[in-house]
Amino acid sequence: MELSTFRFPDPELAGRRGVAMGYAVRHPGGVLVFDTGFGFGSQELEASYAPVSRRVEDALRDVGVAMDEVTDVVNCHLHVDHAGQNGAFPGVPIHVQPAEWELAHTPDHTILDWIEAPRTTYREAAGDHDVAPGIRVVATPGHTAGHQSLVVETDAGPVVLAGQACYSLGEWLGDPDALAGRSGAPDKAAYDRSIEKLRVIDPVRVHFGHDRQVWLADRGRATTPAILPGPC
């Protein structure tokens, strides 16, 4: 789901717009949502990023998911472009690494009014862990200390939702001219280890938090996301 586009504040990227993606994973018990996009109403963000966002409930409806089907939310991390609409899921468990929850309560990491919207319910669990049958959170620090990705077991093989562990398809492919997250990562060694951790999974597909394109094991890339078979 394309949840937001935004302006890069970096002068070197002037004129380019980024994208913030979210994902819905249907499983036997319901639907898991991975990332919720920018929230609404921050004048500071409007001035810096000029986000154009969709409400997550509208994006879900367009892919055939009703809000009452959502059983869990996983944020790759709690920056505003990935967790800004968590408040749309009151009472739904939102899974987060303890390190990320701690970071969220430090200055300038996020907008707490969006993260701690009324009736948001967070479940902290450190490291790799299952959140539903065939769906596993994997810790992938680097972009933030509490970053996490998702691995979905499908009939075709494991599918990785990388979040911002790897910024783009081009970075995954090693393209030196691609938009990449490593240079800005506070822990570059951890960033490298996390990408390698995702590669070792030997995924059949990799989806990214800031790229519409999808890596396919048999072809290298796809121009649009595809509907995947459900988890085994």
C-alpha atoms as a PDB file:
ATOM      1  CA  MET A   1       0.000   0.000   0.000  1.00  0.00           C
ATOM      2  CA  GLU A   2       1.385   3.410  -0.906  1.00  0.00           C
ATOM      3  CA  LEU A   3       0.586   5.448   2.196  1.00  0.00           C
ATOM      4  CA  SER A   4       2.524   8.672   1.646  1.00  0.00           C
ATOM      5  CA  THR A   5       4.787  10.573  -0.633  1.00  0.00           C
ATOM      6  CA  PHE A   6       7.078  13.250   0.735  1.00  0.00           C
ATOM      7  CA  ARG A   7       9.689  15.837  -0.201  1.00  0.00           C
ATOM      8  CA  PHE A   8      13.283  15.090   0.701  1.00  0.00           C
ATOM      9  CA  PRO A   9      14.615  17.925   2.888  1.00  0.00           C
ATOM     10  CA  ASP A  10      18.200  17.137   1.814  1.00  0.00           C
ATOM     11  CA  PRO A  11      19.251  19.856  -0.697  1.00  0.00           C
ATOM     12  CA  GLU A  12      21.112  17.218  -2.724  1.00  0.00           C
ATOM     13  CA  LEU A  13      17.761  15.526  -3.421  1.00  0.00           C
ATOM     14  CA  ALA A  14      15.863  18.727  -4.172  1.00  0.00           C
ATOM     15  CA  GLY A  15      12.941  18.116  -6.489  1.00  0.00           C
ATOM     16  CA  ARG A  16      12.699  14.403  -5.712  1.00  0.00           C
ATOM     17  CA  ARG A  17       9.909  12.825  -3.701  1.00  0.00           C
ATOM     18  CA  GLY A  18      10.095   9.719  -1.606  1.00  0.00           C
ATOM     19  CA  VAL A  19       7.417   7.160  -0.826  1.00  0.00           C
ATOM     20  CA  ALA A  20       6.354   5.467   2.412  1.00  0.00           C
ATOM     21  CA  MET A  21       4.899   2.004   1.899  1.00  0.00           C
ATOM     22  CA  GLY A  22       2.746  -0.137   4.174  1.00  0.00           C
ATOM     23  CA  TYR A  23       1.783  -3.791   3.845  1.00  0.00           C
ATOM     24  CA  ALA A  24      -1.169  -5.993   4.760  1.00  0.00           C
ATOM     25  CA  VAL A  25      -0.446  -9.660   5.413  1.00  0.00           C
ATOM     26  CA  ARG A  26      -3.468 -11.931   5.439  1.00  0.00           C
ATOM     27  CA  HIS A  27      -3.108 -15.032   7.617  1.00  0.00           C
ATOM     28  CA  PRO A  28      -5.524 -17.645   8.987  1.00  0.00           C
ATOM     29  CA  GLY A  29      -6.345 -15.522  12.045  1.00  0.00           C
ATOM     30  CA  GLY A  30      -6.896 -12.198  10.298  1.00  0.00           C
ATOM     31  CA  VAL A  31      -4.663  -9.478   8.860  1.00  0.00           C
ATOM     32  CA  LEU A  32      -1.377  -8.048  10.108  1.00  0.00           C
ATOM     33  CA  VAL A  33      -0.496  -4.482   9.086  1.00  0.00           C
ATOM     34  CA  PHE A  34       3.172  -3.606   8.670  1.00  0.00           C
ATOM     35  CA  ASP A  35       3.726   0.172   8.997  1.00  0.00           C
ATOM     36  CA  THR A  36       1.058   2.861   9.032  1.00  0.00           C
ATOM     37  CA  GLY A  37       2.619   5.868   7.253  1.00  0.00           C
ATOM     38  CA  PHE A  38       2.738   9.551   8.169  1.00  0.00           C
ATOM     39  CA  GLY A  39       0.178  10.996  10.510  1.00  0.00           C
ATOM     40  CA  PHE A  40      -1.632  14.281   9.977  1.00  0.00           C
ATOM     41  CA  GLY A  41      -1.514  17.784  11.382  1.00  0.00           C
ATOM     42  CA  SER A  42       2.151  18.554  12.142  1.00  0.00           C
ATOM     43  CA  GLN A  43       3.069  22.004  10.833  1.00  0.00           C
ATOM     44  CA  GLU A  44       6.775  21.272  11.331  1.00  0.00           C
ATOM     45  CA  LEU A  45       6.608  18.147   9.172  1.00  0.00           C
ATOM     46  CA  GLU A  46       4.508  19.934   6.587  1.00  0.00           C
ATOM     47  CA  ALA A  47       7.206  22.581   6.262  1.00  0.00           C
ATOM     48  CA  SER A  48      10.082  20.097   6.023  1.00  0.00           C
ATOM     49  CA  TYR A  49       8.636  17.096   4.185  1.00  0.00           C
ATOM     50  CA  ALA A  50       5.365  18.282   2.593  1.00  0.00           C
ATOM     51  CA  PRO A  51       3.856  14.796   2.968  1.00  0.00           C
ATOM     52  CA  VAL A  52       0.853  13.787   0.906  1.00  0.00           C
ATOM     53  CA  SER A  53      -0.726  10.931   2.804  1.00  0.00           C
ATOM     54  CA  ARG A  54      -3.629   8.539   2.566  1.00  0.00           C
ATOM     55  CA  ARG A  55      -5.537   7.396   5.605  1.00  0.00           C
ATOM     56  CA  VAL A  56      -4.490   3.847   6.323  1.00  0.00           C
ATOM     57  CA  GLU A  57      -8.106   2.701   6.519  1.00  0.00           C
ATOM     58  CA  ASP A  58      -8.665   3.914   2.939  1.00  0.00           C
ATOM     59  CA  ALA A  59      -5.523   2.159   1.717  1.00  0.00           C
ATOM     60  CA  LEU A  60      -6.597  -1.070   3.401  1.00  0.00           C
ATOM     61  CA  ARG A  61     -10.060  -0.868   1.927  1.00  0.00           C
ATOM     62  CA  ASP A  62      -8.567  -0.533  -1.544  1.00  0.00           C
ATOM     63  CA  VAL A  63      -6.756  -3.861  -1.098  1.00  0.00           C
ATOM     64  CA  GLY A  64      -9.837  -5.588   0.262  1.00  0.00           C
ATOM     65  CA  VAL A  65      -9.132  -5.364   3.999  1.00  0.00           C
ATOM     66  CA  ALA A  66     -11.658  -4.118   6.542  1.00  0.00           C
ATOM     67  CA  MET A  67     -10.398  -2.440   9.692  1.00  0.00           C
ATOM     68  CA  ASP A  68     -12.067  -5.012  11.927  1.00  0.00           C
ATOM     69  CA  GLU A  69     -10.007  -7.757  10.262  1.00  0.00           C
ATOM     70  CA  VAL A  70      -6.724  -6.303  11.557  1.00  0.00           C
ATOM     71  CA  THR A  71      -5.388  -8.434  14.406  1.00  0.00           C
ATOM     72  CA  ASP A  72      -1.889  -6.978  14.811  1.00  0.00           C
ATOM     73  CA  VAL A  73       0.291  -4.054  13.758  1.00  0.00           C
ATOM     74  CA  VAL A  74       4.072  -4.207  13.388  1.00  0.00           C
ATOM     75  CA  ASN A  75       6.110  -1.037  12.845  1.00  0.00           C
ATOM     76  CA  CYS A  76       9.601  -1.474  11.467  1.00  0.00           C
ATOM     77  CA  HIS A  77      10.420   1.465  13.780  1.00  0.00           C
ATOM     78  CA  LEU A  78       8.598   4.397  15.336  1.00  0.00           C
ATOM     79  CA  HIS A  79       9.644   7.284  13.105  1.00  0.00           C
ATOM     80  CA  VAL A  80       6.653   9.334  11.996  1.00  0.00           C
ATOM     81  CA  ASP A  81       6.643   8.058   8.407  1.00  0.00           C
ATOM     82  CA  HIS A  82       6.268   4.445   9.567  1.00  0.00           C
ATOM     83  CA  ALA A  83       4.109   4.719  12.681  1.00  0.00           C
ATOM     84  CA  GLY A  84       2.245   8.003  12.311  1.00  0.00           C
ATOM     85  CA  GLN A  85      -1.197   6.416  11.962  1.00  0.00           C
ATOM     86  CA  ASN A  86      -0.910   3.823  14.728  1.00  0.00           C
ATOM     87  CA  GLY A  87      -3.820   5.584  16.386  1.00  0.00           C
ATOM     88  CA  ALA A  88      -6.131   4.200  13.685  1.00  0.00           C
ATOM     89  CA  PHE A  89      -5.908   0.819  15.449  1.00  0.00           C
ATOM     90  CA  PRO A  90      -7.194   1.332  19.010  1.00  0.00           C
ATOM     91  CA  GLY A  91      -6.899  -1.813  21.089  1.00  0.00           C
ATOM     92  CA  VAL A  92      -4.984  -3.733  18.404  1.00  0.00           C
ATOM     93  CA  PRO A  93      -1.601  -5.063  19.619  1.00  0.00           C
ATOM     94  CA  ILE A  94       1.285  -3.056  18.136  1.00  0.00           C
ATOM     95  CA  HIS A  95       4.547  -5.000  18.272  1.00  0.00           C
ATOM     96  CA  VAL A  96       7.752  -3.093  18.990  1.00  0.00           C
ATOM     97  CA  GLN A  97      11.290  -3.803  20.108  1.00  0.00           C
ATOM     98  CA  PRO A  98      12.026  -2.480  23.640  1.00  0.00           C
ATOM     99  CA  ALA A  99      15.014  -0.544  22.266  1.00  0.00           C
ATOM    100  CA  GLU A 100      12.715   1.270  19.837  1.00  0.00           C
ATOM    101  CA  TRP A 101      10.129   2.026  22.519  1.00  0.00           C
ATOM    102  CA  GLU A 102      12.899   3.580  24.602  1.00  0.00           C
ATOM    103  CA  LEU A 103      14.126   5.642  21.655  1.00  0.00           C
ATOM    104  CA  ALA A 104      10.597   6.877  20.974  1.00  0.00           C
ATOM    105  CA  HIS A 105      10.706   8.613  24.349  1.00  0.00           C
ATOM    106  CA  THR A 106      13.877  10.541  23.596  1.00  0.00           C
ATOM    107  CA  PRO A 107      13.877  14.003  21.987  1.00  0.00           C
ATOM    108  CA  ASP A 108      13.328  14.328  18.227  1.00  0.00           C
ATOM    109  CA  HIS A 109      12.786  10.626  17.511  1.00  0.00           C
ATOM    110  CA  THR A 110       9.076  10.763  16.718  1.00  0.00           C
ATOM    111  CA  ILE A 111       5.797  12.536  17.519  1.00  0.00           C
ATOM    112  CA  LEU A 112       4.551  10.917  20.716  1.00  0.00           C
ATOM    113  CA  ASP A 113       1.030  12.293  20.290  1.00  0.00           C
ATOM    114  CA  TRP A 114       0.767  10.136  17.152  1.00  0.00           C
ATOM    115  CA  ILE A 115       2.494   7.109  18.636  1.00  0.00           C
ATOM    116  CA  GLU A 116       0.641   7.183  21.949  1.00  0.00           C
ATOM    117  CA  ALA A 117      -2.766   8.034  20.538  1.00  0.00           C
ATOM    118  CA  PRO A 118      -5.756   7.040  22.717  1.00  0.00           C
ATOM    119  CA  ARG A 119      -6.093   3.282  23.278  1.00  0.00           C
ATOM    120  CA  THR A 120      -2.931   2.340  21.410  1.00  0.00           C
ATOM    121  CA  THR A 121      -1.643  -0.906  22.871  1.00  0.00           C
ATOM    122  CA  TYR A 122       2.039  -1.775  22.538  1.00  0.00           C
ATOM    123  CA  ARG A 123       3.633  -5.157  23.105  1.00  0.00           C
ATOM    124  CA  GLU A 124       7.377  -5.080  23.633  1.00  0.00           C
ATOM    125  CA  ALA A 125       9.432  -8.121  22.667  1.00  0.00           C
ATOM    126  CA  ALA A 126      13.167  -8.149  22.051  1.00  0.00           C
ATOM    127  CA  GLY A 127      14.880  -9.945  19.211  1.00  0.00           C
ATOM    128  CA  ASP A 128      13.349 -12.398  16.760  1.00  0.00           C
ATOM    129  CA  HIS A 129       9.894 -13.773  17.591  1.00  0.00           C
ATOM    130  CA  ASP A 130       6.723 -15.070  15.970  1.00  0.00           C
ATOM    131  CA  VAL A 131       3.639 -12.831  15.949  1.00  0.00           C
ATOM    132  CA  ALA A 132       1.330 -15.231  14.084  1.00  0.00           C
ATOM    133  CA  PRO A 133       1.725 -18.654  12.467  1.00  0.00           C
ATOM    134  CA  GLY A 134       4.175 -18.262   9.596  1.00  0.00           C
ATOM    135  CA  ILE A 135       4.908 -14.603  10.413  1.00  0.00           C
ATOM    136  CA  ARG A 136       8.118 -13.723  12.252  1.00  0.00           C
ATOM    137  CA  VAL A 137       9.569 -10.444  13.440  1.00  0.00           C
ATOM    138  CA  VAL A 138      13.343 -10.292  12.983  1.00  0.00           C
ATOM    139  CA  ALA A 139      15.466  -7.668  14.701  1.00  0.00           C
ATOM    140  CA  THR A 140      17.370  -5.612  12.119  1.00  0.00           C
ATOM    141  CA  PRO A 141      19.058  -2.715  13.937  1.00  0.00           C
ATOM    142  CA  GLY A 142      21.072  -0.121  12.093  1.00  0.00           C
ATOM    143  CA  HIS A 143      18.723   2.593  10.896  1.00  0.00           C
ATOM    144  CA  THR A 144      17.603   2.711  14.530  1.00  0.00           C
ATOM    145  CA  ALA A 145      18.678   0.509  17.427  1.00  0.00           C
ATOM    146  CA  GLY A 146      15.191  -0.996  17.609  1.00  0.00           C
ATOM    147  CA  HIS A 147      14.492  -1.512  13.925  1.00  0.00           C
ATOM    148  CA  GLN A 148      12.734  -4.746  12.959  1.00  0.00           C
ATOM    149  CA  SER A 149      11.683  -6.449   9.730  1.00  0.00           C
ATOM    150  CA  LEU A 150       9.103  -9.124   8.986  1.00  0.00           C
ATOM    151  CA  VAL A 151       9.455 -12.558   7.396  1.00  0.00           C
ATOM    152  CA  VAL A 152       6.315 -14.188   5.996  1.00  0.00           C
ATOM    153  CA  GLU A 153       6.390 -17.876   5.109  1.00  0.00           C
ATOM    154  CA  THR A 154       4.412 -18.464   1.912  1.00  0.00           C
ATOM    155  CA  ASP A 155       3.870 -21.467  -0.327  1.00  0.00           C
ATOM    156  CA  ALA A 156       6.516 -20.005  -2.658  1.00  0.00           C
ATOM    157  CA  GLY A 157       9.086 -19.453   0.101  1.00  0.00           C
ATOM    158  CA  PRO A 158       9.966 -16.708   2.604  1.00  0.00           C
ATOM    159  CA  VAL A 159       8.972 -13.147   1.795  1.00  0.00           C
ATOM    160  CA  VAL A 160      10.818 -10.315   3.556  1.00  0.00           C
ATOM    161  CA  LEU A 161       9.273  -6.976   4.441  1.00  0.00           C
ATOM    162  CA  ALA A 162      12.520  -5.137   5.058  1.00  0.00           C
ATOM    163  CA  GLY A 163      11.109  -1.846   6.281  1.00  0.00           C
ATOM    164  CA  GLN A 164      14.045   0.558   6.394  1.00  0.00           C
ATOM    165  CA  ALA A 165      16.669  -2.082   7.130  1.00  0.00           C
ATOM    166  CA  CYS A 166      17.450  -1.548   3.444  1.00  0.00           C
ATOM    167  CA  TYR A 167      16.154   1.663   1.899  1.00  0.00           C
ATOM    168  CA  SER A 168      15.499   0.630  -1.679  1.00  0.00           C
ATOM    169  CA  LEU A 169      15.706  -2.059  -4.301  1.00  0.00           C
ATOM    170  CA  GLY A 170      18.788  -0.353  -5.697  1.00  0.00           C
ATOM    171  CA  GLU A 171      20.555  -0.495  -2.346  1.00  0.00           C
ATOM    172  CA  TRP A 172      19.680  -4.204  -2.063  1.00  0.00           C
ATOM    173  CA  LEU A 173      21.192  -4.743  -5.514  1.00  0.00           C
ATOM    174  CA  GLY A 174      24.331  -2.754  -4.674  1.00  0.00           C
ATOM    175  CA  ASP A 175      23.668   0.082  -7.116  1.00  0.00           C
ATOM    176  CA  PRO A 176      25.988   2.933  -6.016  1.00  0.00           C
ATOM    177  CA  ASP A 177      23.604   5.547  -7.435  1.00  0.00           C
ATOM    178  CA  ALA A 178      20.497   4.266  -5.655  1.00  0.00           C
ATOM    179  CA  LEU A 179      18.763   5.909  -2.728  1.00  0.00           C
ATOM    180  CA  ALA A 180      20.417   4.238   0.252  1.00  0.00           C
ATOM    181  CA  GLY A 181      20.151   4.313   4.002  1.00  0.00           C
ATOM    182  CA  ARG A 182      23.584   3.168   5.055  1.00  0.00           C
ATOM    183  CA  SER A 183      25.302   6.549   4.891  1.00  0.00           C
ATOM    184  CA  GLY A 184      22.824   8.043   7.349  1.00  0.00           C
ATOM    185  CA  ALA A 185      22.592   5.062   9.667  1.00  0.00           C
ATOM    186  CA  PRO A 186      23.788   5.772  13.215  1.00  0.00           C
ATOM    187  CA  ASP A 187      25.241   2.247  13.384  1.00  0.00           C
ATOM    188  CA  LYS A 188      26.636   1.324   9.979  1.00  0.00           C
ATOM    189  CA  ALA A 189      28.106  -1.989  11.149  1.00  0.00           C
ATOM    190  CA  ALA A 190      24.713  -3.068  12.492  1.00  0.00           C
ATOM    191  CA  TYR A 191      23.074  -1.867   9.269  1.00  0.00           C
ATOM    192  CA  ASP A 192      25.397  -4.099   7.234  1.00  0.00           C
ATOM    193  CA  ARG A 193      24.790  -7.071   9.522  1.00  0.00           C
ATOM    194  CA  SER A 194      21.040  -6.629   9.278  1.00  0.00           C
ATOM    195  CA  ILE A 195      21.029  -6.639   5.481  1.00  0.00           C
ATOM    196  CA  GLU A 196      23.168  -9.762   5.527  1.00  0.00           C
ATOM    197  CA  LYS A 197      20.769 -11.344   8.020  1.00  0.00           C
ATOM    198  CA  LEU A 198      17.912 -10.771   5.576  1.00  0.00           C
ATOM    199  CA  ARG A 199      19.922 -12.163   2.661  1.00  0.00           C
ATOM    200  CA  VAL A 200      20.725 -15.360   4.600  1.00  0.00           C
ATOM    201  CA  ILE A 201      16.982 -16.022   4.894  1.00  0.00           C
ATOM    202  CA  ASP A 202      17.133 -16.658   1.132  1.00  0.00           C
ATOM    203  CA  PRO A 203      13.860 -14.858   0.402  1.00  0.00           C
ATOM    204  CA  VAL A 204      11.851 -15.248  -2.776  1.00  0.00           C
ATOM    205  CA  ARG A 205      10.727 -11.615  -2.549  1.00  0.00           C
ATOM    206  CA  VAL A 206      11.862  -8.522  -0.695  1.00  0.00           C
ATOM    207  CA  HIS A 207       9.612  -5.495  -0.196  1.00  0.00           C
ATOM    208  CA  PHE A 208      10.953  -2.162   1.041  1.00  0.00           C
ATOM    209  CA  GLY A 209       9.584   0.611   3.222  1.00  0.00           C
ATOM    210  CA  HIS A 210      10.662   3.395   0.864  1.00  0.00           C
ATOM    211  CA  ASP A 211      10.464   1.857  -2.593  1.00  0.00           C
ATOM    212  CA  ARG A 212       7.527   0.726  -4.701  1.00  0.00           C
ATOM    213  CA  GLN A 213       9.714  -1.793  -6.507  1.00  0.00           C
ATOM    214  CA  VAL A 214      10.053  -5.372  -5.304  1.00  0.00           C
ATOM    215  CA  TRP A 215      13.068  -7.670  -5.471  1.00  0.00           C
ATOM    216  CA  LEU A 216      12.255 -11.077  -6.953  1.00  0.00           C
ATOM    217  CA  ALA A 217      14.660 -13.979  -6.542  1.00  0.00           C
ATOM    218  CA  ASP A 218      14.133 -15.193 -10.103  1.00  0.00           C
ATOM    219  CA  ARG A 219      14.173 -11.828 -11.898  1.00  0.00           C
ATOM    220  CA  GLY A 220      15.835  -9.250  -9.661  1.00  0.00           C
ATOM    221  CA  ARG A 221      12.970  -6.770  -9.649  1.00  0.00           C
ATOM    222  CA  ALA A 222       9.303  -6.136 -10.276  1.00  0.00           C
ATOM    223  CA  THR A 223       7.794  -2.766 -11.082  1.00  0.00           C
ATOM    224  CA  THR A 224       4.695  -3.256  -8.910  1.00  0.00           C
ATOM    225  CA  PRO A 225       3.984  -5.318  -5.806  1.00  0.00           C
ATOM    226  CA  ALA A 226       2.232  -8.617  -6.363  1.00  0.00           C
ATOM    227  CA  ILE A 227      -0.419 -10.490  -4.374  1.00  0.00           C
ATOM    228  CA  LEU A 228       1.316 -13.304  -2.556  1.00  0.00           C
ATOM    229  CA  PRO A 229       0.033 -16.703  -1.496  1.00  0.00           C
ATOM    230  CA  GLY A 230      -0.892 -16.915   2.180  1.00  0.00           C
ATOM    231  CA  PRO A 231       1.459 -18.233   4.843  1.00  0.00           C
ATOM    232  CA  CYS A 232       1.840 -22.004   5.134  1.00  0.00           C
END
